[in-house]
C-alpha cells in the first residue's frame, strides 16, 4: 500500500543526540518539511512508522496519513 504523510511529529527528546534545546523546534520543522507530502510504500501503519523512523533516524511521536489509491 502507499501512504502519503499529511502530518508528522518526531520524538526529538534527548536520547544521546546533542540537539541543543533552542534548536529542537527548528529540527522538528525541517524534518516535517522533508517528510510531509512524501508517498511511502508500506504494508500497514506500523510498517509506515518503521519505514519513516528508519529513513529519518528518529522515532515518531505521531503521524497522520492518507492512503494513495492506484489508478489501475
C-alpha atoms as a PDB file:
ATOM      1  CA  UNK A   1       0.000   0.000   0.000  1.00  0.00           C
ATOM      2  CA  UNK A   2       1.024   3.579  -0.482  1.00  0.00           C
ATOM      3  CA  UNK A   3       0.665   6.230   2.199  1.00  0.00           C
ATOM      4  CA  UNK A   4       1.072   9.991   1.868  1.00  0.00           C
ATOM      5  CA  UNK A   5       2.179  11.688   5.063  1.00  0.00           C
ATOM      6  CA  UNK A   6      -0.082  14.634   5.901  1.00  0.00           C
ATOM      7  CA  UNK A   7       1.282  15.451   9.374  1.00  0.00           C
ATOM      8  CA  UNK A   8       4.131  14.092  11.437  1.00  0.00           C
ATOM      9  CA  UNK A   9       5.840  14.804  14.739  1.00  0.00           C
ATOM     10  CA  UNK A  10       9.188  13.282  15.604  1.00  0.00           C
ATOM     11  CA  UNK A  11      10.360  12.380  19.104  1.00  0.00           C
ATOM     12  CA  UNK A  12      13.396  14.629  19.468  1.00  0.00           C
ATOM     13  CA  UNK A  13      13.788  14.034  23.187  1.00  0.00           C
ATOM     14  CA  UNK A  14      17.384  13.818  24.272  1.00  0.00           C
ATOM     15  CA  UNK A  15      18.475  10.231  23.707  1.00  0.00           C
ATOM     16  CA  UNK A  16      22.171  10.825  23.350  1.00  0.00           C
ATOM     17  CA  UNK A  17      21.914  13.093  20.315  1.00  0.00           C
ATOM     18  CA  UNK A  18      23.173  16.549  21.010  1.00  0.00           C
ATOM     19  CA  UNK A  19      20.425  18.837  19.762  1.00  0.00           C
ATOM     20  CA  UNK A  20      20.557  21.969  21.885  1.00  0.00           C
ATOM     21  CA  UNK A  21      17.120  22.746  23.360  1.00  0.00           C
ATOM     22  CA  UNK A  22      16.945  26.010  21.431  1.00  0.00           C
ATOM     23  CA  UNK A  23      17.281  24.090  18.129  1.00  0.00           C
ATOM     24  CA  UNK A  24      14.668  21.377  18.736  1.00  0.00           C
ATOM     25  CA  UNK A  25      11.845  23.393  17.121  1.00  0.00           C
ATOM     26  CA  UNK A  26      13.982  24.148  14.070  1.00  0.00           C
ATOM     27  CA  UNK A  27      14.986  20.496  13.629  1.00  0.00           C
ATOM     28  CA  UNK A  28      11.337  19.421  14.048  1.00  0.00           C
ATOM     29  CA  UNK A  29      10.265  21.916  11.382  1.00  0.00           C
ATOM     30  CA  UNK A  30      12.994  20.803   8.959  1.00  0.00           C
ATOM     31  CA  UNK A  31      12.046  17.145   9.398  1.00  0.00           C
ATOM     32  CA  UNK A  32       8.359  17.927   8.910  1.00  0.00           C
ATOM     33  CA  UNK A  33       9.107  19.854   5.723  1.00  0.00           C
ATOM     34  CA  UNK A  34      11.115  16.899   4.449  1.00  0.00           C
ATOM     35  CA  UNK A  35       8.515  14.198   5.168  1.00  0.00           C
ATOM     36  CA  UNK A  36       5.084  15.840   4.873  1.00  0.00           C
ATOM     37  CA  UNK A  37       3.760  15.110   1.402  1.00  0.00           C
ATOM     38  CA  UNK A  38       6.033  12.127   0.788  1.00  0.00           C
ATOM     39  CA  UNK A  39       4.448   8.969  -0.540  1.00  0.00           C
ATOM     40  CA  UNK A  40       5.855   5.859   1.098  1.00  0.00           C
ATOM     41  CA  UNK A  41       5.137   2.230   0.323  1.00  0.00           C
ATOM     42  CA  UNK A  42       4.485   0.108   3.413  1.00  0.00           C
ATOM     43  CA  UNK A  43       2.477  -2.959   4.397  1.00  0.00           C
ATOM     44  CA  UNK A  44       0.420  -1.181   7.079  1.00  0.00           C
ATOM     45  CA  UNK A  45       0.548   1.727   9.550  1.00  0.00           C
ATOM     46  CA  UNK A  46       3.110   0.011  11.790  1.00  0.00           C
ATOM     47  CA  UNK A  47       5.353  -0.637   8.807  1.00  0.00           C
ATOM     48  CA  UNK A  48       4.923   3.003   7.718  1.00  0.00           C
ATOM     49  CA  UNK A  49       6.136   4.201  11.139  1.00  0.00           C
ATOM     50  CA  UNK A  50       9.071   1.788  10.945  1.00  0.00           C
ATOM     51  CA  UNK A  51       9.979   2.932   7.417  1.00  0.00           C
ATOM     52  CA  UNK A  52       9.911   6.636   8.309  1.00  0.00           C
ATOM     53  CA  UNK A  53      11.824   6.050  11.552  1.00  0.00           C
ATOM     54  CA  UNK A  54      14.483   4.132   9.653  1.00  0.00           C
ATOM     55  CA  UNK A  55      14.720   6.781   6.914  1.00  0.00           C
ATOM     56  CA  UNK A  56      14.872   9.737   9.304  1.00  0.00           C
ATOM     57  CA  UNK A  57      16.806   8.191  12.171  1.00  0.00           C
ATOM     58  CA  UNK A  58      14.172   9.427  14.642  1.00  0.00           C
ATOM     59  CA  UNK A  59      11.238   7.795  16.423  1.00  0.00           C
ATOM     60  CA  UNK A  60       7.760   9.002  15.513  1.00  0.00           C
ATOM     61  CA  UNK A  61       5.585  10.682  18.160  1.00  0.00           C
ATOM     62  CA  UNK A  62       2.538  10.989  15.911  1.00  0.00           C
ATOM     63  CA  UNK A  63       1.737  10.576  12.240  1.00  0.00           C
ATOM     64  CA  UNK A  64      -1.279  11.286  10.037  1.00  0.00           C
ATOM     65  CA  UNK A  65      -1.511   9.989   6.515  1.00  0.00           C
ATOM     66  CA  UNK A  66      -3.857   9.193   3.682  1.00  0.00           C
ATOM     67  CA  UNK A  67      -3.974   6.063   1.565  1.00  0.00           C
ATOM     68  CA  UNK A  68      -2.943   6.646  -2.031  1.00  0.00           C
ATOM     69  CA  UNK A  69      -5.118   4.680  -4.393  1.00  0.00           C
ATOM     70  CA  UNK A  70      -3.553   3.383  -7.571  1.00  0.00           C
ATOM     71  CA  UNK A  71      -5.162   4.074 -10.947  1.00  0.00           C
ATOM     72  CA  UNK A  72      -5.398   0.579 -12.323  1.00  0.00           C
END
